[in-house]
N, C-alpha and C. Protein backbone atom coordinates (compact mmCIF):
# COMPACT_ATOMS: atom_id res chain seq x y z
N UNK A 1 96.01 -18.99 -19.40
CA UNK A 1 95.14 -17.94 -18.90
C UNK A 1 94.04 -18.56 -18.03
N UNK A 2 93.88 -18.02 -16.85
CA UNK A 2 92.90 -18.57 -15.91
C UNK A 2 91.49 -18.10 -16.28
N UNK A 3 90.56 -19.00 -16.16
CA UNK A 3 89.18 -18.64 -16.42
C UNK A 3 88.63 -17.90 -15.21
N UNK A 4 87.48 -17.30 -15.38
CA UNK A 4 86.80 -16.58 -14.28
C UNK A 4 86.57 -17.52 -13.10
N UNK A 5 86.16 -18.74 -13.38
CA UNK A 5 85.90 -19.71 -12.31
C UNK A 5 87.19 -20.08 -11.58
N UNK A 6 88.27 -20.27 -12.31
CA UNK A 6 89.55 -20.59 -11.67
C UNK A 6 90.02 -19.45 -10.77
N UNK A 7 89.83 -18.23 -11.22
CA UNK A 7 90.20 -17.07 -10.42
C UNK A 7 89.36 -17.00 -9.15
N UNK A 8 88.08 -17.31 -9.30
CA UNK A 8 87.17 -17.30 -8.13
C UNK A 8 87.62 -18.34 -7.11
N UNK A 9 87.91 -19.55 -7.56
CA UNK A 9 88.35 -20.62 -6.67
C UNK A 9 89.69 -20.25 -6.03
N UNK A 10 90.59 -19.66 -6.80
CA UNK A 10 91.88 -19.21 -6.26
C UNK A 10 91.67 -18.19 -5.15
N UNK A 11 90.68 -17.32 -5.30
CA UNK A 11 90.43 -16.30 -4.28
C UNK A 11 89.99 -16.91 -2.96
N UNK A 12 89.38 -18.09 -3.00
CA UNK A 12 88.96 -18.77 -1.77
C UNK A 12 90.16 -19.15 -0.90
N UNK A 13 91.30 -19.36 -1.52
CA UNK A 13 92.48 -19.79 -0.78
C UNK A 13 93.00 -18.73 0.17
N UNK A 14 92.65 -17.48 -0.07
CA UNK A 14 93.14 -16.41 0.80
C UNK A 14 92.09 -15.93 1.79
N UNK A 15 90.92 -16.56 1.81
CA UNK A 15 89.86 -16.13 2.73
C UNK A 15 90.17 -16.54 4.17
N UNK A 16 89.79 -15.69 5.10
CA UNK A 16 89.82 -16.08 6.51
C UNK A 16 88.60 -16.98 6.75
N UNK A 17 88.55 -17.59 7.91
CA UNK A 17 87.39 -18.43 8.24
C UNK A 17 86.10 -17.61 8.21
N UNK A 18 86.14 -16.43 8.80
CA UNK A 18 84.94 -15.57 8.82
C UNK A 18 84.53 -15.17 7.40
N UNK A 19 85.47 -14.82 6.56
CA UNK A 19 85.16 -14.47 5.18
C UNK A 19 84.56 -15.65 4.42
N UNK A 20 85.07 -16.85 4.67
CA UNK A 20 84.54 -18.04 4.02
C UNK A 20 83.10 -18.30 4.45
N UNK A 21 82.83 -18.10 5.74
CA UNK A 21 81.45 -18.26 6.24
C UNK A 21 80.54 -17.23 5.60
N UNK A 22 80.99 -15.99 5.52
CA UNK A 22 80.19 -14.93 4.89
C UNK A 22 79.88 -15.27 3.43
N UNK A 23 80.89 -15.77 2.71
CA UNK A 23 80.70 -16.15 1.31
C UNK A 23 79.66 -17.24 1.19
N UNK A 24 79.75 -18.24 2.05
CA UNK A 24 78.81 -19.37 2.02
C UNK A 24 77.40 -18.89 2.36
N UNK A 25 77.26 -18.05 3.38
CA UNK A 25 75.95 -17.59 3.80
C UNK A 25 75.27 -16.72 2.75
N UNK A 26 76.06 -16.06 1.93
CA UNK A 26 75.48 -15.24 0.86
C UNK A 26 74.84 -16.13 -0.20
N UNK A 27 75.13 -17.42 -0.11
CA UNK A 27 74.54 -18.43 -0.99
C UNK A 27 74.84 -18.16 -2.46
N UNK A 28 75.98 -17.54 -2.71
CA UNK A 28 76.35 -17.33 -4.10
C UNK A 28 77.46 -18.30 -4.52
N UNK A 29 77.64 -19.35 -3.73
CA UNK A 29 78.66 -20.34 -4.08
C UNK A 29 78.00 -21.60 -4.60
N UNK A 30 78.71 -22.27 -5.46
CA UNK A 30 78.21 -23.52 -6.01
C UNK A 30 78.61 -24.67 -5.10
N UNK A 31 77.94 -25.79 -5.24
CA UNK A 31 78.19 -26.94 -4.37
C UNK A 31 79.66 -27.33 -4.36
N UNK A 32 80.29 -27.39 -5.51
CA UNK A 32 81.70 -27.77 -5.60
C UNK A 32 82.63 -26.79 -4.91
N UNK A 33 82.21 -25.53 -4.82
CA UNK A 33 83.03 -24.52 -4.17
C UNK A 33 83.00 -24.63 -2.65
N UNK A 34 82.01 -25.28 -2.13
CA UNK A 34 81.90 -25.40 -0.67
C UNK A 34 83.10 -26.11 -0.05
N UNK A 35 83.69 -27.05 -0.77
CA UNK A 35 84.87 -27.74 -0.26
C UNK A 35 86.02 -26.75 -0.03
N UNK A 36 86.16 -25.79 -0.94
CA UNK A 36 87.20 -24.77 -0.78
C UNK A 36 86.89 -23.87 0.41
N UNK A 37 85.62 -23.56 0.60
CA UNK A 37 85.24 -22.73 1.74
C UNK A 37 85.46 -23.47 3.06
N UNK A 38 85.15 -24.76 3.08
CA UNK A 38 85.39 -25.56 4.28
C UNK A 38 86.88 -25.59 4.59
N UNK A 39 87.70 -25.73 3.56
CA UNK A 39 89.15 -25.73 3.77
C UNK A 39 89.59 -24.40 4.38
N UNK A 40 89.05 -23.30 3.88
CA UNK A 40 89.39 -21.99 4.44
C UNK A 40 88.95 -21.88 5.89
N UNK A 41 87.78 -22.41 6.21
CA UNK A 41 87.29 -22.38 7.60
C UNK A 41 88.18 -23.23 8.50
N UNK A 42 88.56 -24.40 8.02
CA UNK A 42 89.38 -25.31 8.83
C UNK A 42 90.82 -24.84 9.00
N UNK A 43 91.24 -23.85 8.21
CA UNK A 43 92.57 -23.30 8.39
C UNK A 43 92.71 -22.65 9.77
N UNK A 44 91.59 -22.21 10.32
CA UNK A 44 91.60 -21.70 11.69
C UNK A 44 91.63 -22.92 12.60
N UNK A 45 92.77 -23.20 13.16
CA UNK A 45 92.99 -24.43 13.93
C UNK A 45 92.13 -24.52 15.18
N UNK A 46 91.49 -23.43 15.56
CA UNK A 46 90.60 -23.48 16.74
C UNK A 46 89.29 -24.17 16.41
N UNK A 47 88.98 -24.30 15.13
CA UNK A 47 87.75 -24.96 14.71
C UNK A 47 88.04 -26.44 14.56
N UNK A 48 87.38 -27.25 15.36
CA UNK A 48 87.68 -28.67 15.44
C UNK A 48 86.68 -29.56 14.72
N UNK A 49 85.71 -28.97 14.05
CA UNK A 49 84.68 -29.76 13.39
C UNK A 49 85.16 -30.29 12.04
N UNK A 50 84.57 -31.40 11.63
CA UNK A 50 84.90 -31.95 10.32
C UNK A 50 84.02 -31.30 9.24
N UNK A 51 84.23 -31.69 8.02
CA UNK A 51 83.52 -31.09 6.87
C UNK A 51 82.00 -31.13 7.04
N UNK A 52 81.48 -32.30 7.36
CA UNK A 52 80.03 -32.46 7.48
C UNK A 52 79.46 -31.63 8.62
N UNK A 53 80.17 -31.55 9.72
CA UNK A 53 79.69 -30.78 10.86
C UNK A 53 79.66 -29.28 10.54
N UNK A 54 80.68 -28.81 9.85
CA UNK A 54 80.71 -27.40 9.44
C UNK A 54 79.56 -27.12 8.48
N UNK A 55 79.37 -27.99 7.51
CA UNK A 55 78.27 -27.82 6.55
C UNK A 55 76.93 -27.79 7.27
N UNK A 56 76.75 -28.65 8.27
CA UNK A 56 75.50 -28.69 9.02
C UNK A 56 75.26 -27.36 9.75
N UNK A 57 76.28 -26.86 10.43
CA UNK A 57 76.15 -25.62 11.18
C UNK A 57 75.81 -24.47 10.24
N UNK A 58 76.46 -24.41 9.09
CA UNK A 58 76.21 -23.31 8.16
C UNK A 58 74.83 -23.44 7.52
N UNK A 59 74.42 -24.65 7.19
CA UNK A 59 73.08 -24.85 6.64
C UNK A 59 72.03 -24.43 7.66
N UNK A 60 72.23 -24.78 8.91
CA UNK A 60 71.33 -24.40 9.99
C UNK A 60 71.25 -22.87 10.08
N UNK A 61 72.39 -22.22 9.96
CA UNK A 61 72.43 -20.76 10.03
C UNK A 61 71.66 -20.14 8.86
N UNK A 62 71.81 -20.72 7.68
CA UNK A 62 71.10 -20.21 6.50
C UNK A 62 69.60 -20.32 6.69
N UNK A 63 69.16 -21.45 7.22
CA UNK A 63 67.73 -21.69 7.42
C UNK A 63 67.14 -20.78 8.49
N UNK A 64 67.97 -20.34 9.43
CA UNK A 64 67.48 -19.56 10.56
C UNK A 64 67.92 -18.10 10.54
N UNK A 65 68.54 -17.67 9.45
CA UNK A 65 68.92 -16.28 9.31
C UNK A 65 69.99 -15.82 10.30
N UNK A 66 70.92 -16.69 10.61
CA UNK A 66 71.99 -16.38 11.56
C UNK A 66 73.15 -15.73 10.79
N UNK A 67 73.74 -14.71 11.37
CA UNK A 67 74.81 -13.98 10.68
C UNK A 67 76.17 -14.68 10.84
N UNK A 68 77.10 -14.29 9.97
CA UNK A 68 78.42 -14.93 9.91
C UNK A 68 79.21 -14.82 11.22
N UNK A 69 79.26 -13.67 11.88
CA UNK A 69 80.02 -13.61 13.15
C UNK A 69 79.48 -14.58 14.21
N UNK A 70 78.16 -14.75 14.25
CA UNK A 70 77.57 -15.68 15.21
C UNK A 70 77.93 -17.12 14.86
N UNK A 71 77.90 -17.44 13.57
CA UNK A 71 78.29 -18.78 13.12
C UNK A 71 79.75 -19.04 13.46
N UNK A 72 80.60 -18.06 13.20
CA UNK A 72 82.02 -18.19 13.50
C UNK A 72 82.23 -18.45 14.99
N UNK A 73 81.58 -17.67 15.84
CA UNK A 73 81.67 -17.88 17.29
C UNK A 73 81.22 -19.28 17.68
N UNK A 74 80.14 -19.73 17.06
CA UNK A 74 79.63 -21.07 17.35
C UNK A 74 80.63 -22.14 16.94
N UNK A 75 81.22 -21.99 15.76
CA UNK A 75 82.21 -22.97 15.30
C UNK A 75 83.42 -23.02 16.23
N UNK A 76 83.74 -21.90 16.84
CA UNK A 76 84.87 -21.86 17.77
C UNK A 76 84.55 -22.53 19.10
N UNK A 77 83.28 -22.56 19.48
CA UNK A 77 82.92 -23.08 20.80
C UNK A 77 82.50 -24.54 20.80
N UNK A 78 82.16 -25.09 19.64
CA UNK A 78 81.81 -26.51 19.60
C UNK A 78 83.01 -27.29 19.12
N UNK A 79 83.08 -28.52 19.49
CA UNK A 79 84.23 -29.32 19.08
C UNK A 79 83.91 -30.78 19.18
N UNK A 80 84.84 -31.51 19.75
CA UNK A 80 84.68 -32.94 19.88
C UNK A 80 83.38 -33.26 20.61
N UNK A 81 82.69 -34.26 20.15
CA UNK A 81 81.42 -34.62 20.75
C UNK A 81 80.25 -33.88 20.14
N UNK A 82 80.50 -33.13 19.07
CA UNK A 82 79.44 -32.40 18.39
C UNK A 82 78.37 -33.37 17.92
N UNK A 83 77.13 -33.04 18.21
CA UNK A 83 76.01 -33.89 17.79
C UNK A 83 75.06 -33.04 16.97
N UNK A 84 75.02 -33.24 15.65
CA UNK A 84 74.19 -32.40 14.80
C UNK A 84 72.74 -32.30 15.24
N UNK A 85 72.16 -33.37 15.68
CA UNK A 85 70.76 -33.35 16.10
C UNK A 85 70.52 -32.49 17.33
N UNK A 86 71.57 -32.23 18.10
CA UNK A 86 71.41 -31.47 19.33
C UNK A 86 71.38 -29.97 19.07
N UNK A 87 71.85 -29.53 17.93
CA UNK A 87 71.89 -28.11 17.62
C UNK A 87 70.78 -27.80 16.65
N UNK A 88 69.70 -27.24 17.12
CA UNK A 88 68.58 -26.93 16.27
C UNK A 88 68.64 -25.48 15.81
N UNK A 89 69.05 -24.64 16.72
CA UNK A 89 69.08 -23.21 16.42
C UNK A 89 70.29 -22.59 17.09
N UNK A 90 71.01 -21.80 16.33
CA UNK A 90 72.15 -21.09 16.90
C UNK A 90 71.63 -19.85 17.62
N UNK A 91 72.34 -19.39 18.62
CA UNK A 91 71.90 -18.17 19.30
C UNK A 91 71.95 -16.98 18.35
N UNK A 92 70.91 -16.19 18.34
CA UNK A 92 70.87 -15.02 17.48
C UNK A 92 71.50 -13.84 18.17
N UNK A 93 72.04 -12.95 17.38
CA UNK A 93 72.65 -11.73 17.95
C UNK A 93 71.68 -10.60 17.88
């Protein structure tokens, strides 16, 4: 029998990238769950960032009140050559 936590983690496997970003931004996920959310985000092959870069972009969004669709658009437009220090604020909608 699966525990509540196992069911929650299993549900992350079916999330789209946008849904994973929304879940993370709601800040109701635990640190260990973020790896599952990153995996869901990276399933969208258009997103070329690595784990740390994705975490940086989402943390930046949380600090600046940026919504999930804007974060998703940003993740789609940045790629190779991403420099975390260069992105201070994501464009607001």
